[in-house]
Protein backbone atom coordinates (compact mmCIF):
# COMPACT_ATOMS: atom_id res chain seq x y z
CA MET A 1 144.08 107.32 102.31
CA PHE A 2 143.42 104.48 104.72
CA GLY A 3 142.52 101.00 103.54
CA GLU A 4 139.01 99.54 103.82
CA CYS A 5 139.31 96.82 106.47
CA HIS A 6 135.71 95.58 106.29
CA ALA A 7 133.80 95.49 103.01
CA HIS A 8 131.37 93.34 101.02
CA ILE A 9 131.99 93.72 97.30
CA MET A 10 128.90 91.65 96.55
CA MET A 11 126.64 94.26 98.17
CA ASP A 12 125.79 97.68 96.73
CA GLY A 13 124.86 99.88 99.69
CA LYS A 14 121.23 99.92 98.61
CA ASN A 15 119.49 96.56 98.82
CA TYR A 16 121.11 93.27 99.80
CA LYS A 17 118.51 91.04 98.14
CA SER A 18 118.70 92.72 94.76
CA ALA A 19 122.51 92.85 94.96
CA ALA A 20 122.68 89.11 95.65
CA ALA A 21 120.13 88.39 92.92
CA ARG A 22 122.41 89.96 90.30
CA HIS A 23 124.99 87.22 90.91
CA LYS A 24 122.62 84.33 91.56
CA ASP A 25 122.80 82.66 88.14
CA SER A 26 126.25 83.91 87.16
CA ILE A 27 128.72 86.32 88.73
CA LYS A 28 128.44 89.74 87.13
CA GLU A 29 132.01 90.90 86.59
CA GLU A 30 130.89 94.37 85.52
CA VAL A 31 129.40 94.94 88.99
CA ILE A 32 132.65 93.89 90.66
CA ARG A 33 134.61 96.23 88.40
CA ALA A 34 132.27 99.13 89.16
CA HIS A 35 132.87 98.68 92.87
CA PHE A 36 136.63 98.46 92.42
CA GLN A 37 136.47 101.68 90.41
CA LEU A 38 134.72 103.44 93.28
CA TRP A 39 137.46 102.36 95.69
CA LYS A 40 140.17 103.43 93.24
CA GLU A 41 138.59 106.84 92.76
CA ALA A 42 138.52 107.26 96.54
CA GLY A 43 142.24 106.50 96.73
CA ILE A 44 141.76 103.16 98.49
CA THR A 45 144.46 100.60 97.68
CA PHE A 46 143.75 97.97 100.34
CA VAL A 47 140.41 96.19 100.86
CA ARG A 48 139.56 93.35 103.22
CA ASP A 49 136.27 91.70 102.31
CA GLY A 50 133.89 89.89 104.64
CA GLY A 51 133.02 87.19 102.13
CA ASP A 52 129.82 85.98 100.50
CA ALA A 53 127.98 82.76 99.71
CA LEU A 54 128.04 83.16 95.92
CA GLY A 55 131.74 83.26 95.04
CA VAL A 56 131.76 86.97 94.18
CA SER A 57 134.69 87.85 96.43
CA ILE A 58 136.90 85.08 95.07
CA ARG A 59 136.30 86.35 91.52
CA ALA A 60 137.06 89.85 92.80
CA LYS A 61 140.40 88.69 94.16
CA ALA A 62 141.48 87.73 90.65
CA ILE A 63 140.39 91.09 89.22
CA ALA A 64 141.79 93.35 91.96
CA PRO A 65 145.37 93.66 90.58
CA GLU A 66 143.99 95.39 87.49
CA TYR A 67 142.89 98.23 89.80
CA GLU A 68 146.12 98.18 91.83
CA ILE A 69 144.16 97.16 94.89
CA ASP A 70 145.47 94.69 97.46
CA TYR A 71 142.28 92.72 98.09
CA ARG A 72 141.86 90.06 100.78
CA THR A 73 138.95 87.72 101.31
CA PRO A 74 137.82 84.81 103.49
CA VAL A 75 135.92 83.62 100.37
CA PHE A 76 132.88 82.97 102.58
CA ALA A 77 131.97 83.44 106.23
CA ILE A 78 131.20 80.43 108.44
CA HIS A 79 128.15 80.32 110.72
CA LYS A 80 126.36 77.78 112.87
CA LYS A 81 123.28 76.29 111.23
CA GLY A 82 120.15 78.02 112.49
CA HIS A 83 122.07 81.17 113.43
CA TYR A 84 122.79 84.47 111.68
CA GLY A 85 125.24 84.40 108.79
CA GLY A 86 123.56 82.86 105.76
CA ILE A 87 123.74 86.13 103.83
CA VAL A 88 127.54 85.94 103.69
CA GLY A 89 128.51 82.30 103.86
CA HIS A 90 128.02 78.64 104.65
CA ALA A 91 126.74 76.78 107.69
CA PHE A 92 128.02 73.94 109.85
CA SER A 93 126.13 71.69 112.25
CA ASN A 94 128.99 70.14 114.21
CA ARG A 95 132.70 70.52 114.85
CA GLN A 96 133.74 68.23 112.01
CA GLU A 97 131.65 70.16 109.49
CA TYR A 98 133.26 73.37 110.73
CA LYS A 99 136.73 71.89 110.20
CA GLU A 100 135.75 70.90 106.67
CA LEU A 101 134.58 74.44 105.90
CA VAL A 102 137.88 75.85 107.18
CA LYS A 103 139.69 73.47 104.83
CA LYS A 104 137.38 74.38 101.96
CA ALA A 105 137.95 78.11 102.47
CA ARG A 106 141.70 77.66 102.54
CA ARG A 107 141.61 75.39 99.48
CA GLU A 108 139.60 78.00 97.55
CA GLY A 109 142.08 80.76 98.31
CA ALA A 110 140.88 82.33 101.56
CA ASP A 111 143.35 84.75 103.12
CA PHE A 112 141.81 84.26 106.57
CA ILE A 113 138.74 82.70 108.17
CA LYS A 114 135.64 84.72 109.00
CA ILE A 115 133.26 83.41 111.65
CA MET A 116 129.83 84.60 112.76
CA ILE A 117 129.36 84.31 116.52
CA SER A 118 126.34 86.51 117.22
CA GLY A 119 123.34 88.18 115.69
CA LEU A 120 123.14 91.78 114.56
CA MET A 121 121.47 94.87 115.91
CA VAL A 122 117.77 95.61 115.76
CA PHE A 123 118.02 99.19 114.55
CA ASP A 124 114.60 100.31 115.68
CA THR A 125 115.11 99.20 119.30
CA PHE A 126 118.11 100.22 121.41
CA GLY A 127 119.94 97.43 123.25
CA VAL A 128 118.47 94.51 121.29
CA LEU A 129 120.26 91.93 119.12
CA THR A 130 118.58 89.50 116.76
CA GLU A 131 120.00 86.60 118.76
CA GLU A 132 122.11 85.91 121.81
CA GLY A 133 125.01 84.24 120.02
CA LEU A 134 126.96 81.01 120.22
CA PRO A 135 128.13 79.27 123.43
CA GLU A 136 131.54 80.37 124.71
CA GLU A 137 133.13 76.95 124.31
CA GLU A 138 132.00 76.69 120.69
CA ILE A 139 133.47 80.12 119.93
CA ARG A 140 136.76 79.05 121.48
CA GLN A 141 136.83 75.86 119.43
CA MET A 142 136.10 77.73 116.18
CA ILE A 143 138.95 80.16 116.70
CA GLU A 144 141.40 77.50 117.85
CA THR A 145 140.57 75.26 114.90
CA ALA A 146 141.22 78.05 112.41
CA HIS A 147 144.46 79.00 114.13
CA GLU A 148 145.60 75.38 114.12
CA ALA A 149 145.01 75.39 110.36
CA GLY A 150 147.38 78.36 110.10
CA MET A 151 144.65 80.94 109.46
CA LYS A 152 143.94 84.24 111.19
CA VAL A 153 140.36 84.87 112.29
CA MET A 154 137.93 87.73 111.64
CA ALA A 155 134.84 87.48 113.87
CA HIS A 156 131.46 89.15 113.46
CA GLY A 157 130.42 89.64 117.07
CA ASN A 158 128.09 91.76 119.19
CA GLY A 159 127.26 91.58 122.88
CA SER A 160 129.70 91.23 125.78
CA ARG A 161 129.40 87.50 126.41
CA THR A 162 130.26 86.35 122.90
CA VAL A 163 132.87 89.04 122.31
CA GLN A 164 134.62 88.31 125.59
CA ALA A 165 134.79 84.63 124.67
CA ALA A 166 136.31 85.50 121.30
CA ILE A 167 138.93 87.81 122.79
CA GLU A 168 139.90 85.24 125.40
CA ALA A 169 140.31 82.68 122.60
CA GLY A 170 142.69 85.01 120.75
CA VAL A 171 140.51 86.23 117.90
CA ASP A 172 142.57 88.39 115.53
CA THR A 173 139.98 90.99 114.58
CA LEU A 174 136.59 91.77 116.07
CA GLU A 175 134.00 93.23 113.71
CA HIS A 176 131.22 95.52 114.98
CA GLY A 177 131.37 94.84 118.74
CA ASN A 178 128.19 96.65 119.76
CA TYR A 179 126.73 96.58 123.26
CA LEU A 180 129.94 95.74 125.09
CA GLU A 181 130.30 96.20 128.84
CA ARG A 182 133.24 98.09 130.37
CA GLU A 183 134.78 94.82 131.53
CA THR A 184 134.86 93.57 127.94
CA LEU A 185 136.28 96.86 126.65
CA ASP A 186 139.03 96.62 129.26
CA LEU A 187 139.78 93.07 128.15
CA LEU A 188 139.86 94.24 124.53
CA ALA A 189 142.31 97.01 125.37
CA GLU A 190 144.60 94.54 127.13
CA SER A 191 144.50 92.06 124.24
CA ARG A 192 146.12 91.96 120.81
CA THR A 193 142.72 91.82 119.10
CA ILE A 194 142.04 94.59 116.58
CA TRP A 195 138.57 96.10 116.86
CA ILE A 196 136.78 97.24 113.67
CA PRO A 197 133.75 99.05 115.18
CA THR A 198 131.88 99.91 111.90
CA LEU A 199 130.04 103.10 112.83
CA ALA A 200 128.91 104.02 109.29
CA PRO A 201 126.16 101.36 109.05
CA VAL A 202 124.58 103.00 112.11
CA GLY A 203 125.38 106.69 111.69
CA ASN A 204 124.46 106.74 108.01
CA LEU A 205 120.94 105.61 108.90
CA LEU A 206 120.15 108.96 110.53
CA GLY A 207 117.53 110.84 108.56
CA CYS A 208 116.78 108.02 106.11
CA GLY A 209 113.34 107.31 107.56
CA ARG A 210 113.78 103.55 107.60
CA PHE A 211 114.32 103.41 111.36
CA PRO A 212 113.41 105.82 114.17
CA ASP A 213 116.19 108.39 114.49
CA GLU A 214 115.84 108.33 118.28
CA ALA A 215 116.77 104.63 118.44
CA VAL A 216 119.56 104.97 115.87
CA GLN A 217 121.03 107.95 117.72
CA LYS A 218 121.08 106.02 121.00
CA ILE A 219 122.84 103.06 119.37
CA LEU A 220 125.37 105.37 117.71
CA LYS A 221 126.03 107.36 120.89
CA ARG A 222 126.65 104.20 122.92
CA GLN A 223 129.11 102.81 120.37
CA MET A 224 130.95 106.11 120.05
CA GLU A 225 131.32 106.37 123.82
CA HIS A 226 132.73 102.85 123.90
CA ILE A 227 135.18 103.57 121.10
CA ARG A 228 136.48 106.60 122.97
CA TYR A 229 136.81 104.63 126.20
CA ALA A 230 138.63 101.73 124.50
CA PHE A 231 140.84 104.11 122.50
CA GLU A 232 141.93 105.94 125.65
CA LYS A 233 142.67 102.57 127.25
CA GLY A 234 144.99 101.76 124.36
CA ALA A 235 142.83 99.34 122.35
CA ARG A 236 143.94 98.50 118.81
CA ILE A 237 141.29 100.00 116.53
CA GLY A 238 141.10 99.58 112.75
CA LEU A 239 139.06 101.34 110.08
CA GLY A 240 136.36 99.42 108.24
CA SER A 241 132.99 100.75 107.13
CA ASP A 242 131.17 97.51 106.25
CA SER A 243 130.90 99.05 102.80
CA GLY A 244 128.11 97.59 100.74
CA ALA A 245 125.80 97.62 103.76
CA TYR A 246 122.67 99.76 103.52
CA ARG A 247 123.62 103.44 102.98
CA VAL A 248 127.34 102.63 103.11
CA PRO A 249 128.56 103.00 99.51
CA HIS A 250 131.91 101.64 98.42
CA GLY A 251 134.57 104.33 98.60
CA GLN A 252 132.54 107.03 100.31
CA GLY A 253 131.67 104.63 103.12
CA LEU A 254 135.27 104.62 104.34
CA LEU A 255 135.38 108.41 104.39
CA ASP A 256 132.17 108.39 106.41
CA GLU A 257 133.62 105.79 108.79
CA TYR A 258 136.74 107.83 109.42
CA ASN A 259 134.67 110.91 110.23
CA TRP A 260 132.46 108.97 112.66
CA VAL A 261 135.46 107.41 114.43
CA LYS A 262 137.24 110.78 114.56
CA GLU A 263 134.16 112.29 116.16
CA ALA A 264 134.07 109.44 118.65
CA VAL A 265 137.62 109.90 119.93
CA GLY A 266 137.55 113.69 119.66
CA PRO A 267 139.31 116.01 117.19
CA LYS A 268 142.19 116.72 119.58
CA GLN A 269 143.25 113.08 119.29
CA GLU A 270 143.18 112.88 115.49
CA MET A 271 146.95 112.52 115.05
CA LEU A 272 147.11 109.65 117.53
CA LEU A 273 144.02 108.11 115.94
CA ARG A 274 145.64 108.17 112.50
CA GLU A 275 148.74 106.48 113.91
CA ARG A 276 146.68 103.76 115.58
CA LEU A 277 144.55 103.14 112.48
CA ALA A 278 147.66 102.88 110.30
CA GLU A 279 149.27 100.41 112.72
CA ALA A 280 146.16 98.22 112.75
CA GLU A 281 145.88 98.27 108.97
CA ALA A 282 149.56 97.40 108.57
CA TRP A 283 149.13 94.39 110.87
CA ILE A 284 146.07 93.18 108.96
CA GLN A 285 147.88 93.55 105.63
CA LYS A 286 150.93 91.70 106.88
CA LYS A 287 149.28 88.91 108.86
CA MET A 288 145.85 88.21 107.38
CA LYS A 289 146.90 86.42 104.24
CA GLN A 290 147.84 82.92 103.20
């Protein structure tokens, strides 16, 4: 079984607000253990979390060995004040504050730094993001600062402009990466950046009634086409479902993700896909830790 390279143990796959509310006053260890049990039952022994603002993932890191799971976390994600990211981390207003958050994450046991450089998709409207994203120079500075501190970088990013800036700055892993242009996909394929395209949070929406299936299908189709293009160009692609996101349950979410990615590249390329996914996971396990 592959490892889960993008998860949120704080979330429950149903409702973010209620999941966060459970841990608001005190971290509920029984919830953490229930999620670890789901991963264990699915045969998952490696999990890379995306962090949270409540300290849930750092508590999970201490519990993980009991379930024989190699669990990595950034502790919290870092976002620019006034921009997307508050649901998973802490904000900075200037470069010095960002540096302090990098130090804080490392001091609290972060295995890597996670940054938020763009908004997220509007699932009922194809081609639209909730925000344009950070300036290219600021993205470069964020990645360089983390690297100078000896930390690898996981970046939540959508849209060609922000993603291209992150790749050019040497980001270690790109999460999501929706609405990329061919030029950016070519750059990705030529780089050492690992792309975690997270198809399950889109594909698993089909038929749920929350968003128009027509819009969801268009978003999914575009991302799958881009995965196939990048894969055939030799891009480094890893497997991460964003488990904990709406309709992406822990454990099952990774199985769903694998099936979506396999469909994207085509069944005839499954053996090569498995090799590439294993290589990406091995790199993440080896490099993205303190």
